[in-house]
C-alpha cells in the first residue's frame, strides 16, 4: 500500500556536481547577456577568482517601471488655454 512512499529511490535526487553547477550558471549568464541591447562589462578578479559584472546605468526594463515625466508649467498653461 505504501510502497511508493518507502520504495527504493523514493525522495532521492541526483546531486549536481560543482562542474555542472558552474556550467549551468555560465550558460544562464550568457543567455541573459546575449539578450541585452546595452551589453554589460564582465571581468575577472585574478586575485580572488571572482567574476564582476558592470551593468549599464539603466536597464531597459527599469525604464518601463519609471513614472511618466511631469509636464512643466509652460506646457500645462498652453494646454489649459487651448481647452
N, C-alpha and C. Protein backbone atom coordinates (compact mmCIF):
# COMPACT_ATOMS: atom_id res chain seq x y z
N UNK A 1 0.81 -1.19 0.00
CA UNK A 1 0.00 0.00 0.00
C UNK A 1 0.86 1.27 0.00
N UNK A 2 1.85 1.30 0.86
CA UNK A 2 2.73 2.48 0.96
C UNK A 2 4.05 2.24 0.25
N UNK A 3 4.04 1.36 -0.70
CA UNK A 3 5.27 1.01 -1.40
C UNK A 3 5.87 2.23 -2.11
N UNK A 4 5.00 3.10 -2.66
CA UNK A 4 5.50 4.28 -3.35
C UNK A 4 6.20 5.24 -2.42
N UNK A 5 5.82 5.24 -1.13
CA UNK A 5 6.46 6.15 -0.18
C UNK A 5 7.78 5.60 0.34
N UNK A 6 7.83 4.29 0.52
CA UNK A 6 9.01 3.70 1.15
C UNK A 6 9.81 2.84 0.19
N UNK A 7 9.50 2.92 -1.08
CA UNK A 7 10.22 2.14 -2.08
C UNK A 7 11.63 2.65 -2.27
N UNK A 8 12.41 1.86 -2.98
CA UNK A 8 13.81 2.24 -3.23
C UNK A 8 13.87 3.49 -4.10
N UNK A 9 14.77 4.34 -3.74
CA UNK A 9 14.99 5.55 -4.53
C UNK A 9 13.94 6.63 -4.30
N UNK A 10 13.02 6.41 -3.41
CA UNK A 10 12.00 7.42 -3.16
C UNK A 10 12.63 8.63 -2.48
N UNK A 11 12.39 9.80 -3.02
CA UNK A 11 12.88 11.03 -2.41
C UNK A 11 14.33 11.33 -2.71
N UNK A 12 15.00 10.46 -3.46
CA UNK A 12 16.40 10.71 -3.78
C UNK A 12 16.48 11.47 -5.09
N UNK A 13 17.32 12.47 -5.11
CA UNK A 13 17.57 13.20 -6.34
C UNK A 13 19.08 13.23 -6.58
N UNK A 14 19.45 13.19 -7.83
CA UNK A 14 20.87 13.20 -8.16
C UNK A 14 21.45 14.55 -7.79
N UNK A 15 22.54 14.53 -7.05
CA UNK A 15 23.19 15.78 -6.65
C UNK A 15 23.93 16.36 -7.85
N UNK A 16 23.86 17.67 -7.97
CA UNK A 16 24.54 18.37 -9.06
C UNK A 16 26.01 18.55 -8.66
N UNK A 17 26.91 18.20 -9.55
CA UNK A 17 28.33 18.37 -9.26
C UNK A 17 28.71 19.84 -9.39
N UNK A 18 29.87 20.20 -8.88
CA UNK A 18 30.33 21.58 -8.99
C UNK A 18 30.51 21.96 -10.45
N UNK A 19 31.01 21.05 -11.26
CA UNK A 19 31.19 21.32 -12.69
C UNK A 19 29.85 21.63 -13.34
N UNK A 20 28.84 20.83 -13.04
CA UNK A 20 27.51 21.05 -13.61
C UNK A 20 26.93 22.38 -13.14
N UNK A 21 27.16 22.73 -11.87
CA UNK A 21 26.67 23.99 -11.33
C UNK A 21 27.29 25.17 -12.06
N UNK A 22 28.61 25.13 -12.25
CA UNK A 22 29.31 26.23 -12.94
C UNK A 22 28.86 26.31 -14.39
N UNK A 23 28.76 25.18 -15.07
CA UNK A 23 28.34 25.17 -16.47
C UNK A 23 26.93 25.73 -16.62
N UNK A 24 26.03 25.36 -15.71
CA UNK A 24 24.65 25.86 -15.76
C UNK A 24 24.61 27.36 -15.51
N UNK A 25 25.38 27.83 -14.51
CA UNK A 25 25.39 29.26 -14.19
C UNK A 25 25.96 30.09 -15.33
N UNK A 26 27.04 29.61 -15.96
CA UNK A 26 27.63 30.34 -17.08
C UNK A 26 26.67 30.36 -18.26
N UNK A 27 26.00 29.26 -18.51
CA UNK A 27 25.03 29.20 -19.61
C UNK A 27 23.87 30.18 -19.37
N UNK A 28 23.38 30.25 -18.15
CA UNK A 28 22.30 31.18 -17.82
C UNK A 28 22.78 32.63 -17.96
N UNK A 29 23.98 32.92 -17.47
CA UNK A 29 24.52 34.28 -17.56
C UNK A 29 24.71 34.68 -19.02
N UNK A 30 25.25 33.78 -19.83
CA UNK A 30 25.44 34.08 -21.24
C UNK A 30 24.12 34.32 -21.95
N UNK A 31 23.09 33.57 -21.61
CA UNK A 31 21.80 33.77 -22.27
C UNK A 31 21.19 35.11 -21.89
N UNK A 32 21.40 35.55 -20.66
CA UNK A 32 20.90 36.86 -20.23
C UNK A 32 21.68 37.97 -20.92
N UNK A 33 23.00 37.85 -20.93
CA UNK A 33 23.84 38.89 -21.54
C UNK A 33 23.61 38.98 -23.05
N UNK A 34 23.34 37.86 -23.71
CA UNK A 34 23.13 37.86 -25.16
C UNK A 34 21.86 38.63 -25.52
N UNK A 35 20.87 38.63 -24.65
CA UNK A 35 19.61 39.30 -24.92
C UNK A 35 19.60 40.78 -24.58
N UNK A 36 20.68 41.29 -24.03
CA UNK A 36 20.74 42.69 -23.62
C UNK A 36 21.11 43.57 -24.80
N UNK A 37 20.40 44.70 -24.96
CA UNK A 37 20.73 45.66 -26.01
C UNK A 37 22.04 46.38 -25.67
N UNK A 38 22.12 46.91 -24.45
CA UNK A 38 23.35 47.54 -23.96
C UNK A 38 24.11 46.47 -23.18
N UNK A 39 25.24 46.07 -23.70
CA UNK A 39 25.99 44.95 -23.11
C UNK A 39 26.66 45.35 -21.81
N UNK A 40 26.71 44.40 -20.89
CA UNK A 40 27.39 44.58 -19.62
C UNK A 40 28.88 44.28 -19.81
N UNK A 41 29.69 44.78 -18.90
CA UNK A 41 31.11 44.50 -18.91
C UNK A 41 31.37 43.41 -17.88
N UNK A 42 31.98 42.32 -18.33
CA UNK A 42 32.26 41.19 -17.45
C UNK A 42 33.77 41.12 -17.25
N UNK A 43 34.19 41.05 -15.98
CA UNK A 43 35.61 40.99 -15.67
C UNK A 43 35.91 39.88 -14.70
N UNK A 44 37.18 39.55 -14.58
CA UNK A 44 37.63 38.51 -13.66
C UNK A 44 38.68 39.12 -12.74
N UNK A 45 38.47 38.98 -11.43
CA UNK A 45 39.47 39.39 -10.45
C UNK A 45 40.44 38.22 -10.29
N UNK A 46 41.67 38.39 -10.78
CA UNK A 46 42.62 37.29 -10.78
C UNK A 46 43.08 36.91 -9.38
N UNK A 47 43.02 37.83 -8.43
CA UNK A 47 43.43 37.52 -7.06
C UNK A 47 42.42 36.62 -6.37
N UNK A 48 41.14 36.93 -6.52
CA UNK A 48 40.12 36.14 -5.83
C UNK A 48 39.47 35.09 -6.72
N UNK A 49 39.60 35.26 -8.06
CA UNK A 49 38.97 34.33 -8.98
C UNK A 49 37.48 34.58 -9.16
N UNK A 50 37.00 35.72 -8.70
CA UNK A 50 35.58 36.04 -8.79
C UNK A 50 35.28 36.84 -10.05
N UNK A 51 34.08 36.66 -10.57
CA UNK A 51 33.62 37.43 -11.72
C UNK A 51 32.94 38.70 -11.24
N UNK A 52 33.10 39.77 -12.01
CA UNK A 52 32.37 41.00 -11.74
C UNK A 52 31.59 41.37 -13.00
N UNK A 53 30.39 41.86 -12.81
CA UNK A 53 29.55 42.28 -13.93
C UNK A 53 29.16 43.73 -13.68
N UNK A 54 29.57 44.61 -14.60
CA UNK A 54 29.21 46.02 -14.52
C UNK A 54 28.08 46.27 -15.50
N UNK A 55 26.90 46.56 -14.96
CA UNK A 55 25.71 46.75 -15.79
C UNK A 55 25.60 48.19 -16.26
N UNK A 56 24.86 48.42 -17.34
CA UNK A 56 24.62 49.79 -17.79
C UNK A 56 23.92 50.59 -16.69
N UNK A 57 24.00 51.92 -16.81
CA UNK A 57 23.38 52.79 -15.80
C UNK A 57 21.90 52.48 -15.62
N UNK A 58 21.21 52.26 -16.71
CA UNK A 58 19.77 51.97 -16.62
C UNK A 58 19.44 50.82 -17.57
N UNK A 59 18.74 49.85 -17.05
CA UNK A 59 18.33 48.69 -17.85
C UNK A 59 17.01 49.02 -18.54
N UNK A 60 16.76 48.43 -19.72
CA UNK A 60 15.53 48.74 -20.46
C UNK A 60 14.25 48.46 -19.67
N UNK A 61 14.22 47.38 -18.90
CA UNK A 61 13.00 47.07 -18.15
C UNK A 61 12.81 48.03 -16.97
N UNK A 62 13.88 48.64 -16.49
CA UNK A 62 13.76 49.63 -15.42
C UNK A 62 13.15 50.92 -15.96
N UNK A 63 13.45 51.25 -17.21
CA UNK A 63 12.89 52.46 -17.81
C UNK A 63 11.38 52.35 -17.93
N UNK A 64 10.88 51.14 -18.14
CA UNK A 64 9.43 50.94 -18.24
C UNK A 64 8.74 51.13 -16.89
N UNK A 65 9.47 50.90 -15.81
CA UNK A 65 8.89 50.99 -14.48
C UNK A 65 8.87 52.41 -13.93
N UNK A 66 9.56 53.34 -14.59
CA UNK A 66 9.62 54.71 -14.10
C UNK A 66 8.29 55.43 -14.36
N UNK A 67 7.91 56.35 -13.49
CA UNK A 67 6.70 57.12 -13.75
C UNK A 67 6.92 58.08 -14.93
N UNK A 68 5.83 58.43 -15.58
CA UNK A 68 5.92 59.36 -16.71
C UNK A 68 6.41 60.71 -16.20
N UNK A 69 7.25 61.40 -16.96
CA UNK A 69 7.74 62.71 -16.50
C UNK A 69 6.59 63.71 -16.43
N UNK A 70 6.67 64.57 -15.44
CA UNK A 70 5.63 65.58 -15.27
C UNK A 70 5.81 66.68 -16.30
N UNK A 71 4.71 67.17 -16.82
CA UNK A 71 4.78 68.28 -17.78
C UNK A 71 5.18 69.54 -17.03
N UNK A 72 6.03 70.34 -17.65
CA UNK A 72 6.43 71.58 -16.99
C UNK A 72 5.27 72.59 -17.03
N UNK A 73 5.37 73.64 -16.26
CA UNK A 73 4.27 74.59 -16.09
C UNK A 73 3.87 75.28 -17.39
N UNK A 74 4.83 75.59 -18.26
CA UNK A 74 4.52 76.26 -19.54
C UNK A 74 3.60 75.38 -20.39
N UNK A 75 3.87 74.11 -20.43
CA UNK A 75 3.06 73.18 -21.21
C UNK A 75 1.66 73.09 -20.64
N UNK A 76 1.55 73.06 -19.30
CA UNK A 76 0.25 72.96 -18.65
C UNK A 76 -0.59 74.21 -18.94
N UNK A 77 0.03 75.40 -18.94
CA UNK A 77 -0.68 76.65 -19.21
C UNK A 77 -1.17 76.66 -20.64
N UNK A 78 -0.35 76.21 -21.60
CA UNK A 78 -0.75 76.17 -23.01
C UNK A 78 -1.90 75.18 -23.22
N UNK A 79 -1.87 74.04 -22.51
CA UNK A 79 -2.93 73.05 -22.65
C UNK A 79 -4.27 73.61 -22.13
N UNK A 80 -4.21 74.35 -21.02
CA UNK A 80 -5.43 74.94 -20.44
C UNK A 80 -5.99 76.01 -21.37
N UNK A 81 -5.11 76.79 -21.96
CA UNK A 81 -5.54 77.86 -22.85
C UNK A 81 -6.18 77.30 -24.11
N UNK A 82 -5.68 76.19 -24.60
CA UNK A 82 -6.22 75.56 -25.80
C UNK A 82 -7.58 74.91 -25.54
N UNK A 83 -7.85 74.55 -24.31
CA UNK A 83 -9.10 73.86 -23.98
C UNK A 83 -10.28 74.77 -23.85
